[in-house]
Each structure stands twice: as structure tokens, then as C-alpha cells.
Amino acid sequence: MDLNELSIKLANANSQTAEFESFIISNSSQDVLQIIVDGNDELPIFVTRTEEQVLCISYLFNEEEIKPEQKVELNNLLLQLNVPMPLSAFAKIDDKYAIFGALSTTSTFEQIEHEIITLAANSIDALEAISEYLTD
């Protein structure tokens, strides 16, 4: 399923658990679908598709937002949280901390929709769990 088709299906989804807004961000190297779940503009989900996978990413915070004296402790906590968190994992991309999930390119719309909803919820839960490590 390409990103345009995914965007159209999300717009027409009759999900009982979430509402979606999405739009394509065209890039010279790769298009990205930005998805807002249930009006949560602060933590959009970015979806890309390659030949190998469908990747869903939500950027949580920048490195400079971490209290300097708690950076090591926060990184250890994120590593510990990777295992019990369903369908998602933490990553660092340049100076941004993110949460992501990856799916097969043969995933159904329902599977991708489930991943997006789960990632959106995990993003909120993660920020709540680590808020004490971040500056105000």
C-alpha cells in the first residue's frame, strides 16, 4: 500500500478507537505521510515506506530538553522500557528522541492502522513516564 492510498483509507476509516488527519510531505529523497491521531498535533506520526518496510515514527523531544544531570539515567530508562512497550521501540535520530514501529510492506490496512493507534498512545505514555527527566 503506498502512502497516498494509506492517507485516503485513514481519512475514510471508521475506527471506533481513533480519528485521523493526514497529509503527504513531499521530499526529494522520500515522501512522508504525516498523521495526527485524535487531534494530538504535538505528537504526529510520520510514516514512510521503503521496499523493505513501513516505518512509523513519532518524535518525542530534543536532546537539549533533557536535564543534563539526568541524561544517563533517562537513556537507561528508555532502554528498559523498550521491551514491555507493545509494538514500539525508542530511538535517537540526530538530536531527537523518537518512538517507532516497523511493519512489513505486505501489512494490511488494519495492521498499519493498529500500529499507528498504538504508537500514538505509546508516545503519550512515554512522555508521561519520563517527564521528570525533561526541562519545563
N, C-alpha and C. Protein backbone atom coordinates (compact mmCIF):
# COMPACT_ATOMS: atom_id res chain seq x y z
N MET A 1 0.85 -1.17 0.00
CA MET A 1 0.00 0.00 0.00
C MET A 1 0.90 1.23 0.00
N ASP A 2 0.69 2.14 -0.96
CA ASP A 2 1.50 3.34 -0.99
C ASP A 2 0.93 4.39 -0.03
N LEU A 3 1.68 5.48 0.18
CA LEU A 3 1.29 6.48 1.17
C LEU A 3 0.01 7.23 0.79
N ASN A 4 -0.20 7.48 -0.48
CA ASN A 4 -1.44 8.14 -0.91
C ASN A 4 -2.66 7.28 -0.58
N GLU A 5 -2.55 6.00 -0.88
CA GLU A 5 -3.65 5.08 -0.59
C GLU A 5 -3.89 4.99 0.91
N LEU A 6 -2.81 4.94 1.69
CA LEU A 6 -2.94 4.89 3.15
C LEU A 6 -3.63 6.15 3.67
N SER A 7 -3.26 7.30 3.14
CA SER A 7 -3.88 8.57 3.56
C SER A 7 -5.38 8.58 3.28
N ILE A 8 -5.76 8.10 2.11
CA ILE A 8 -7.18 8.05 1.74
C ILE A 8 -7.93 7.08 2.66
N LYS A 9 -7.35 5.92 2.90
CA LYS A 9 -8.01 4.94 3.76
C LYS A 9 -8.15 5.46 5.19
N LEU A 10 -7.13 6.16 5.69
CA LEU A 10 -7.23 6.73 7.03
C LEU A 10 -8.33 7.78 7.11
N ALA A 11 -8.44 8.59 6.07
CA ALA A 11 -9.48 9.63 6.04
C ALA A 11 -10.87 9.02 6.06
N ASN A 12 -11.01 7.85 5.46
CA ASN A 12 -12.31 7.18 5.39
C ASN A 12 -12.50 6.10 6.44
N ALA A 13 -11.53 5.95 7.33
CA ALA A 13 -11.60 4.88 8.32
C ALA A 13 -12.75 5.11 9.28
N ASN A 14 -13.40 4.04 9.61
CA ASN A 14 -14.48 4.08 10.59
C ASN A 14 -14.02 3.45 11.89
N SER A 15 -12.81 3.80 12.29
CA SER A 15 -12.25 3.24 13.51
C SER A 15 -13.05 3.70 14.71
N GLN A 16 -13.34 2.77 15.59
CA GLN A 16 -14.07 3.12 16.81
C GLN A 16 -13.13 3.67 17.86
N THR A 17 -11.83 3.57 17.64
CA THR A 17 -10.88 3.99 18.66
C THR A 17 -10.14 5.27 18.34
N ALA A 18 -10.13 5.75 17.10
CA ALA A 18 -9.35 6.93 16.76
C ALA A 18 -9.87 7.61 15.50
N GLU A 19 -9.57 8.91 15.41
CA GLU A 19 -9.81 9.67 14.18
C GLU A 19 -8.46 10.16 13.67
N PHE A 20 -8.33 10.26 12.35
CA PHE A 20 -7.05 10.58 11.74
C PHE A 20 -7.16 11.80 10.83
N GLU A 21 -6.09 12.60 10.83
CA GLU A 21 -5.86 13.62 9.81
C GLU A 21 -4.50 13.28 9.22
N SER A 22 -4.36 13.37 7.91
CA SER A 22 -3.07 13.05 7.33
C SER A 22 -2.82 13.87 6.07
N PHE A 23 -1.53 14.08 5.80
CA PHE A 23 -1.15 14.72 4.55
C PHE A 23 0.26 14.31 4.17
N ILE A 24 0.52 14.31 2.88
CA ILE A 24 1.82 13.91 2.33
C ILE A 24 2.78 15.09 2.40
N ILE A 25 3.99 14.81 2.88
CA ILE A 25 5.08 15.77 2.83
C ILE A 25 6.02 15.27 1.74
N SER A 26 6.07 16.01 0.64
CA SER A 26 6.92 15.58 -0.48
C SER A 26 8.35 16.02 -0.22
N ASN A 27 9.25 15.09 -0.44
CA ASN A 27 10.66 15.31 -0.21
C ASN A 27 11.40 14.77 -1.42
N SER A 28 12.50 15.37 -1.76
CA SER A 28 13.23 14.90 -2.94
C SER A 28 13.76 13.48 -2.76
N SER A 29 14.06 13.08 -1.51
CA SER A 29 14.59 11.74 -1.30
C SER A 29 13.49 10.71 -1.03
N GLN A 30 12.45 11.13 -0.29
CA GLN A 30 11.37 10.18 0.03
C GLN A 30 10.16 10.93 0.56
N ASP A 31 8.99 10.52 0.11
CA ASP A 31 7.76 11.11 0.63
C ASP A 31 7.47 10.56 2.02
N VAL A 32 6.81 11.39 2.82
CA VAL A 32 6.45 11.02 4.18
C VAL A 32 4.98 11.38 4.38
N LEU A 33 4.25 10.51 5.04
CA LEU A 33 2.87 10.79 5.40
C LEU A 33 2.84 11.22 6.87
N GLN A 34 2.38 12.45 7.12
CA GLN A 34 2.23 12.92 8.50
C GLN A 34 0.81 12.64 8.94
N ILE A 35 0.67 11.98 10.09
CA ILE A 35 -0.65 11.58 10.59
C ILE A 35 -0.83 12.14 11.99
N ILE A 36 -1.96 12.79 12.19
CA ILE A 36 -2.35 13.27 13.51
C ILE A 36 -3.49 12.38 13.98
N VAL A 37 -3.31 11.79 15.15
CA VAL A 37 -4.30 10.88 15.71
C VAL A 37 -5.08 11.62 16.79
N ASP A 38 -6.40 11.64 16.64
CA ASP A 38 -7.30 12.25 17.63
C ASP A 38 -6.92 13.67 18.00
N GLY A 39 -6.47 14.47 17.04
CA GLY A 39 -6.18 15.88 17.28
C GLY A 39 -4.92 16.14 18.07
N ASN A 40 -4.08 15.15 18.27
CA ASN A 40 -2.84 15.32 19.02
C ASN A 40 -1.75 15.89 18.11
N ASP A 41 -1.85 17.21 17.84
CA ASP A 41 -0.90 17.88 16.94
C ASP A 41 0.53 17.86 17.45
N GLU A 42 0.72 17.76 18.76
CA GLU A 42 2.06 17.82 19.34
C GLU A 42 2.89 16.59 19.04
N LEU A 43 2.24 15.46 18.80
CA LEU A 43 2.96 14.20 18.57
C LEU A 43 2.47 13.50 17.30
N PRO A 44 2.70 14.11 16.15
CA PRO A 44 2.26 13.44 14.92
C PRO A 44 3.09 12.19 14.65
N ILE A 45 2.50 11.30 13.88
CA ILE A 45 3.17 10.08 13.44
C ILE A 45 3.62 10.32 11.99
N PHE A 46 4.87 10.00 11.71
CA PHE A 46 5.41 10.13 10.35
C PHE A 46 5.60 8.73 9.80
N VAL A 47 5.02 8.46 8.63
CA VAL A 47 5.07 7.14 8.03
C VAL A 47 5.82 7.23 6.70
N THR A 48 6.79 6.34 6.55
CA THR A 48 7.50 6.20 5.27
C THR A 48 7.41 4.74 4.84
N ARG A 49 7.56 4.54 3.57
CA ARG A 49 7.53 3.18 3.03
C ARG A 49 8.73 2.99 2.13
N THR A 50 9.47 1.92 2.38
CA THR A 50 10.58 1.54 1.52
C THR A 50 10.24 0.19 0.91
N GLU A 51 11.17 -0.36 0.17
CA GLU A 51 10.94 -1.70 -0.39
C GLU A 51 10.92 -2.76 0.70
N GLU A 52 11.55 -2.48 1.84
CA GLU A 52 11.68 -3.47 2.90
C GLU A 52 10.66 -3.34 4.03
N GLN A 53 10.17 -2.10 4.29
CA GLN A 53 9.32 -1.92 5.47
C GLN A 53 8.47 -0.67 5.38
N VAL A 54 7.47 -0.64 6.26
CA VAL A 54 6.68 0.56 6.52
C VAL A 54 7.13 1.01 7.90
N LEU A 55 7.66 2.22 7.99
CA LEU A 55 8.22 2.73 9.23
C LEU A 55 7.35 3.87 9.76
N CYS A 56 6.95 3.77 11.03
CA CYS A 56 6.12 4.77 11.69
C CYS A 56 6.93 5.37 12.83
N ILE A 57 7.09 6.70 12.84
CA ILE A 57 7.94 7.37 13.83
C ILE A 57 7.20 8.55 14.44
N SER A 58 7.36 8.72 15.74
CA SER A 58 6.89 9.90 16.44
C SER A 58 8.07 10.49 17.20
N TYR A 59 8.37 11.76 16.94
CA TYR A 59 9.47 12.44 17.62
C TYR A 59 8.96 12.96 18.96
N LEU A 60 9.65 12.59 20.04
CA LEU A 60 9.19 12.91 21.39
C LEU A 60 9.77 14.22 21.93
N PHE A 61 11.09 14.40 21.83
CA PHE A 61 11.73 15.59 22.37
C PHE A 61 13.14 15.70 21.81
N ASN A 62 13.72 16.90 21.93
CA ASN A 62 15.09 17.14 21.51
C ASN A 62 16.05 16.87 22.66
N GLU A 63 17.26 16.55 22.33
CA GLU A 63 18.28 16.26 23.34
C GLU A 63 18.45 17.41 24.32
N GLU A 64 18.37 18.64 23.84
CA GLU A 64 18.57 19.79 24.74
C GLU A 64 17.45 19.97 25.76
N GLU A 65 16.35 19.23 25.60
CA GLU A 65 15.25 19.30 26.56
C GLU A 65 15.46 18.39 27.77
N ILE A 66 16.52 17.59 27.75
CA ILE A 66 16.82 16.69 28.86
C ILE A 66 17.59 17.46 29.93
N LYS A 67 17.24 17.25 31.18
CA LYS A 67 18.03 17.82 32.28
C LYS A 67 19.41 17.18 32.20
N PRO A 68 20.47 17.98 32.03
CA PRO A 68 21.81 17.42 31.77
C PRO A 68 22.26 16.38 32.80
N GLU A 69 21.96 16.60 34.06
CA GLU A 69 22.41 15.69 35.10
C GLU A 69 21.64 14.37 35.09
N GLN A 70 20.56 14.27 34.29
CA GLN A 70 19.76 13.06 34.26
C GLN A 70 19.78 12.33 32.92
N LYS A 71 20.66 12.75 32.03
CA LYS A 71 20.68 12.16 30.68
C LYS A 71 21.01 10.66 30.71
N VAL A 72 22.02 10.26 31.46
CA VAL A 72 22.40 8.84 31.51
C VAL A 72 21.26 8.02 32.10
N GLU A 73 20.67 8.51 33.16
CA GLU A 73 19.56 7.80 33.80
C GLU A 73 18.37 7.67 32.84
N LEU A 74 18.08 8.74 32.09
CA LEU A 74 16.98 8.69 31.12
C LEU A 74 17.27 7.66 30.03
N ASN A 75 18.48 7.67 29.49
CA ASN A 75 18.83 6.70 28.45
C ASN A 75 18.69 5.26 28.95
N ASN A 76 19.10 5.02 30.18
CA ASN A 76 18.93 3.68 30.77
C ASN A 76 17.46 3.31 30.90
N LEU A 77 16.65 4.26 31.35
CA LEU A 77 15.21 4.01 31.48
C LEU A 77 14.59 3.69 30.12
N LEU A 78 14.94 4.44 29.09
CA LEU A 78 14.38 4.19 27.76
C LEU A 78 14.74 2.79 27.26
N LEU A 79 15.97 2.37 27.52
CA LEU A 79 16.35 1.01 27.13
C LEU A 79 15.53 -0.03 27.87
N GLN A 80 15.27 0.21 29.15
CA GLN A 80 14.47 -0.73 29.93
C GLN A 80 13.02 -0.75 29.47
N LEU A 81 12.51 0.38 29.03
CA LEU A 81 11.11 0.46 28.60
C LEU A 81 10.87 -0.15 27.22
N ASN A 82 11.93 -0.36 26.44
CA ASN A 82 11.76 -0.91 25.09
C ASN A 82 11.05 -2.26 25.09
N VAL A 83 11.37 -3.13 26.00
CA VAL A 83 10.82 -4.48 25.98
C VAL A 83 9.33 -4.51 26.35
N PRO A 84 8.91 -3.88 27.44
CA PRO A 84 7.49 -4.01 27.81
C PRO A 84 6.53 -3.15 26.99
N MET A 85 7.04 -2.26 26.16
CA MET A 85 6.17 -1.38 25.38
C MET A 85 5.67 -2.11 24.13
N PRO A 86 4.36 -2.24 23.97
CA PRO A 86 3.84 -3.01 22.84
C PRO A 86 4.06 -2.32 21.49
N LEU A 87 4.59 -3.06 20.53
CA LEU A 87 4.71 -2.68 19.13
C LEU A 87 5.57 -1.45 18.87
N SER A 88 6.34 -0.97 19.83
CA SER A 88 7.13 0.23 19.65
C SER A 88 8.49 0.09 20.32
N ALA A 89 9.42 0.95 19.89
CA ALA A 89 10.75 0.98 20.49
C ALA A 89 11.25 2.42 20.43
N PHE A 90 12.20 2.74 21.31
CA PHE A 90 12.79 4.06 21.32
C PHE A 90 14.00 4.10 20.41
N ALA A 91 14.29 5.30 19.90
CA ALA A 91 15.46 5.52 19.06
C ALA A 91 15.92 6.96 19.23
N LYS A 92 17.14 7.21 18.78
CA LYS A 92 17.65 8.58 18.73
C LYS A 92 18.03 8.85 17.29
N ILE A 93 17.45 9.90 16.72
CA ILE A 93 17.71 10.28 15.34
C ILE A 93 18.29 11.68 15.38
N ASP A 94 19.57 11.80 15.07
CA ASP A 94 20.31 13.05 15.22
C ASP A 94 20.17 13.52 16.66
N ASP A 95 19.59 14.70 16.90
CA ASP A 95 19.45 15.19 18.27
C ASP A 95 18.03 15.00 18.82
N LYS A 96 17.23 14.17 18.15
CA LYS A 96 15.84 13.95 18.56
C LYS A 96 15.65 12.52 19.08
N TYR A 97 14.91 12.42 20.15
CA TYR A 97 14.50 11.11 20.66
C TYR A 97 13.14 10.79 20.06
N ALA A 98 12.97 9.55 19.66
CA ALA A 98 11.76 9.14 18.96
C ALA A 98 11.29 7.79 19.47
N ILE A 99 10.06 7.50 19.11
CA ILE A 99 9.48 6.18 19.34
C ILE A 99 9.01 5.70 17.97
N PHE A 100 9.19 4.41 17.67
CA PHE A 100 8.86 3.95 16.32
C PHE A 100 8.34 2.52 16.33
N GLY A 101 7.72 2.19 15.23
CA GLY A 101 7.30 0.83 14.96
C GLY A 101 7.52 0.55 13.49
N ALA A 102 7.83 -0.68 13.16
CA ALA A 102 8.07 -1.06 11.76
C ALA A 102 7.17 -2.24 11.41
N LEU A 103 6.68 -2.20 10.18
CA LEU A 103 5.81 -3.27 9.68
C LEU A 103 6.31 -3.75 8.33
N SER A 104 5.84 -4.89 7.95
CA SER A 104 6.14 -5.45 6.64
C SER A 104 5.41 -4.64 5.57
N THR A 105 5.98 -4.60 4.38
CA THR A 105 5.31 -3.93 3.27
C THR A 105 4.06 -4.68 2.83
N THR A 106 3.89 -5.90 3.29
CA THR A 106 2.69 -6.67 2.96
C THR A 106 1.61 -6.54 4.05
N SER A 107 1.84 -5.66 5.03
CA SER A 107 0.86 -5.47 6.11
C SER A 107 -0.45 -4.95 5.54
N THR A 108 -1.53 -5.37 6.16
CA THR A 108 -2.86 -4.91 5.75
C THR A 108 -3.11 -3.51 6.29
N PHE A 109 -4.13 -2.86 5.78
CA PHE A 109 -4.51 -1.55 6.30
C PHE A 109 -4.83 -1.65 7.79
N GLU A 110 -5.54 -2.68 8.18
CA GLU A 110 -5.91 -2.85 9.59
C GLU A 110 -4.68 -2.97 10.48
N GLN A 111 -3.65 -3.66 10.01
CA GLN A 111 -2.42 -3.79 10.79
C GLN A 111 -1.69 -2.44 10.91
N ILE A 112 -1.64 -1.70 9.82
CA ILE A 112 -1.00 -0.39 9.84
C ILE A 112 -1.79 0.57 10.73
N GLU A 113 -3.09 0.55 10.61
CA GLU A 113 -3.95 1.39 11.45
C GLU A 113 -3.72 1.07 12.93
N HIS A 114 -3.65 -0.21 13.26
CA HIS A 114 -3.41 -0.63 14.65
C HIS A 114 -2.05 -0.12 15.14
N GLU A 115 -1.03 -0.22 14.30
CA GLU A 115 0.31 0.28 14.66
C GLU A 115 0.27 1.78 14.91
N ILE A 116 -0.39 2.54 14.07
CA ILE A 116 -0.46 3.99 14.23
C ILE A 116 -1.18 4.36 15.53
N ILE A 117 -2.29 3.72 15.81
CA ILE A 117 -3.04 4.00 17.04
C ILE A 117 -2.19 3.63 18.26
N THR A 118 -1.53 2.48 18.21
CA THR A 118 -0.70 2.04 19.32
C THR A 118 0.49 2.98 19.53
N LEU A 119 1.13 3.38 18.44
CA LEU A 119 2.28 4.28 18.53
C LEU A 119 1.86 5.63 19.11
N ALA A 120 0.71 6.14 18.70
CA ALA A 120 0.22 7.41 19.24
C ALA A 120 0.00 7.31 20.75
N ALA A 121 -0.61 6.24 21.20
CA ALA A 121 -0.84 6.04 22.63
C ALA A 121 0.48 5.85 23.38
N ASN A 122 1.39 5.08 22.80
CA ASN A 122 2.69 4.85 23.42
C ASN A 122 3.49 6.15 23.53
N SER A 123 3.36 7.03 22.55
CA SER A 123 4.06 8.31 22.59
C SER A 123 3.62 9.14 23.79
N ILE A 124 2.33 9.21 24.00
CA ILE A 124 1.79 9.96 25.14
C ILE A 124 2.23 9.30 26.45
N ASP A 125 2.11 7.98 26.54
CA ASP A 125 2.50 7.26 27.75
C ASP A 125 3.99 7.44 28.04
N ALA A 126 4.81 7.40 27.00
CA ALA A 126 6.26 7.55 27.18
C ALA A 126 6.60 8.92 27.73
N LEU A 127 6.00 9.96 27.17
CA LEU A 127 6.28 11.31 27.67
C LEU A 127 5.85 11.47 29.12
N GLU A 128 4.73 10.88 29.48
CA GLU A 128 4.29 10.94 30.87
C GLU A 128 5.28 10.21 31.78
N ALA A 129 5.80 9.08 31.33
CA ALA A 129 6.70 8.28 32.14
C ALA A 129 8.06 8.95 32.35
N ILE A 130 8.48 9.79 31.42
CA ILE A 130 9.83 10.38 31.51
C ILE A 130 9.81 11.88 31.76
N SER A 131 8.67 12.45 32.02
CA SER A 131 8.56 13.91 32.15
C SER A 131 9.51 14.49 33.20
N GLU A 132 9.80 13.75 34.25
CA GLU A 132 10.68 14.27 35.31
C GLU A 132 12.12 14.44 34.83
N TYR A 133 12.48 13.85 33.70
CA TYR A 133 13.83 13.96 33.16
C TYR A 133 13.97 15.14 32.19
N LEU A 134 12.87 15.79 31.87
CA LEU A 134 12.88 16.85 30.88
C LEU A 134 12.73 18.22 31.54
N THR A 135 13.30 19.23 30.90
CA THR A 135 13.14 20.59 31.39
C THR A 135 11.71 21.05 31.08
N ASP A 136 11.27 22.04 31.79
CA ASP A 136 9.89 22.52 31.60
C ASP A 136 9.69 23.26 30.32
